[in-house]
Amino acid sequence: MKTSRLTVKGQVTLPQELRRRFSLGPGSQVALEEEADGIKVRPVRETILNWAGSLRSLQAGLSDAEIRRRVKKAVAARTARKLAHD
């Protein structure tokens, strides 16, 4: 079991080993779940809804293949930015 101290601001630092294991970096979201014997902290994983609005503009008549290509490009760019901050 890993432990951490609570700061005067109520913040907790997750040990580096856990941050690496669960791919958590600055800006990552975690869920806090109250349980009978304590608090459970778990990573919040992105869903397709996190990508809503990723495309700059929607043009009528785009093919499914073009939409997939643009989404892949947006995901790759966002992932690259996220990795650059880690």
Protein backbone atom coordinates (compact mmCIF):
# COMPACT_ATOMS: atom_id res chain seq x y z
CA MET A 1 0.00 0.00 0.00
CA LYS A 2 1.23 3.47 -0.89
CA THR A 3 0.69 6.45 1.41
CA SER A 4 0.71 10.21 0.99
CA ARG A 5 0.14 13.22 3.24
CA LEU A 6 -2.70 15.71 2.97
CA THR A 7 -1.54 19.32 2.55
CA VAL A 8 -3.12 22.31 4.32
CA LYS A 9 -5.01 22.94 1.06
CA GLY A 10 -6.46 19.41 1.13
CA GLN A 11 -4.27 18.19 -1.73
CA VAL A 12 -2.68 14.76 -2.03
CA THR A 13 0.29 13.88 -4.24
CA LEU A 14 0.04 10.49 -5.90
CA PRO A 15 3.32 8.55 -5.78
CA GLN A 16 5.28 8.67 -9.04
CA GLU A 17 5.09 4.89 -9.47
CA LEU A 18 1.27 5.04 -9.50
CA ARG A 19 1.19 8.08 -11.82
CA ARG A 20 3.36 6.20 -14.32
CA ARG A 21 1.45 2.92 -14.01
CA PHE A 22 -1.88 4.62 -14.68
CA SER A 23 -0.54 7.20 -17.19
CA LEU A 24 -1.52 10.18 -15.03
CA GLY A 25 0.07 13.55 -15.67
CA PRO A 26 -0.72 17.22 -15.08
CA GLY A 27 -4.35 17.84 -15.92
CA SER A 28 -5.36 14.18 -15.65
CA GLN A 29 -8.68 13.65 -13.96
CA VAL A 30 -9.29 11.21 -11.12
CA ALA A 31 -12.59 10.12 -9.63
CA LEU A 32 -13.04 10.06 -5.86
CA GLU A 33 -15.53 7.47 -4.67
CA GLU A 34 -16.69 7.35 -1.07
CA GLU A 35 -16.77 3.82 0.33
CA ALA A 36 -17.75 2.48 3.74
CA ASP A 37 -14.12 2.16 4.86
CA GLY A 38 -12.47 5.04 2.98
CA ILE A 39 -12.02 6.87 -0.31
CA LYS A 40 -11.26 5.15 -3.60
CA VAL A 41 -9.23 7.13 -6.17
CA ARG A 42 -9.33 5.94 -9.77
CA PRO A 43 -8.31 7.44 -13.13
CA VAL A 44 -11.02 8.90 -15.35
CA ARG A 45 -10.55 7.61 -18.86
CA GLU A 46 -11.51 9.67 -21.87
CA THR A 47 -14.51 8.68 -23.94
CA ILE A 48 -15.65 9.68 -27.41
CA LEU A 49 -17.61 12.50 -25.74
CA ASN A 50 -14.30 14.15 -24.75
CA TRP A 51 -13.60 14.64 -28.44
CA ALA A 52 -16.87 16.42 -29.22
CA GLY A 53 -16.03 19.66 -31.00
CA SER A 54 -12.51 18.50 -31.96
CA LEU A 55 -13.07 19.25 -35.61
CA ARG A 56 -12.76 22.91 -36.51
CA SER A 57 -15.71 22.90 -38.90
CA LEU A 58 -18.14 20.40 -40.27
CA GLN A 59 -18.79 20.50 -43.96
CA ALA A 60 -21.94 18.96 -45.38
CA GLY A 61 -21.35 15.81 -47.38
CA LEU A 62 -18.15 14.54 -45.70
CA SER A 63 -17.65 10.82 -46.20
CA ASP A 64 -17.27 8.47 -43.25
CA ALA A 65 -13.66 7.87 -44.29
CA GLU A 66 -12.91 11.62 -44.29
CA ILE A 67 -14.56 12.08 -40.89
CA ARG A 68 -12.48 9.18 -39.47
CA ARG A 69 -9.30 10.65 -41.00
CA ARG A 70 -9.97 14.04 -39.42
CA VAL A 71 -10.81 12.55 -36.03
CA LYS A 72 -7.61 10.44 -36.09
CA LYS A 73 -5.61 13.55 -36.94
CA ALA A 74 -7.23 15.52 -34.09
CA VAL A 75 -6.67 12.66 -31.63
CA ALA A 76 -3.01 12.34 -32.68
CA ALA A 77 -2.44 16.09 -32.24
CA ARG A 78 -4.13 16.13 -28.83
CA THR A 79 -2.17 13.07 -27.68
CA ALA A 80 1.11 14.62 -28.85
CA ARG A 81 0.36 17.81 -26.90
CA LYS A 82 -0.52 15.77 -23.81
CA LEU A 83 2.68 13.69 -24.05
CA ALA A 84 4.77 16.82 -24.50
CA HIS A 85 3.58 18.01 -21.06
CA ASP A 86 4.50 14.71 -19.31
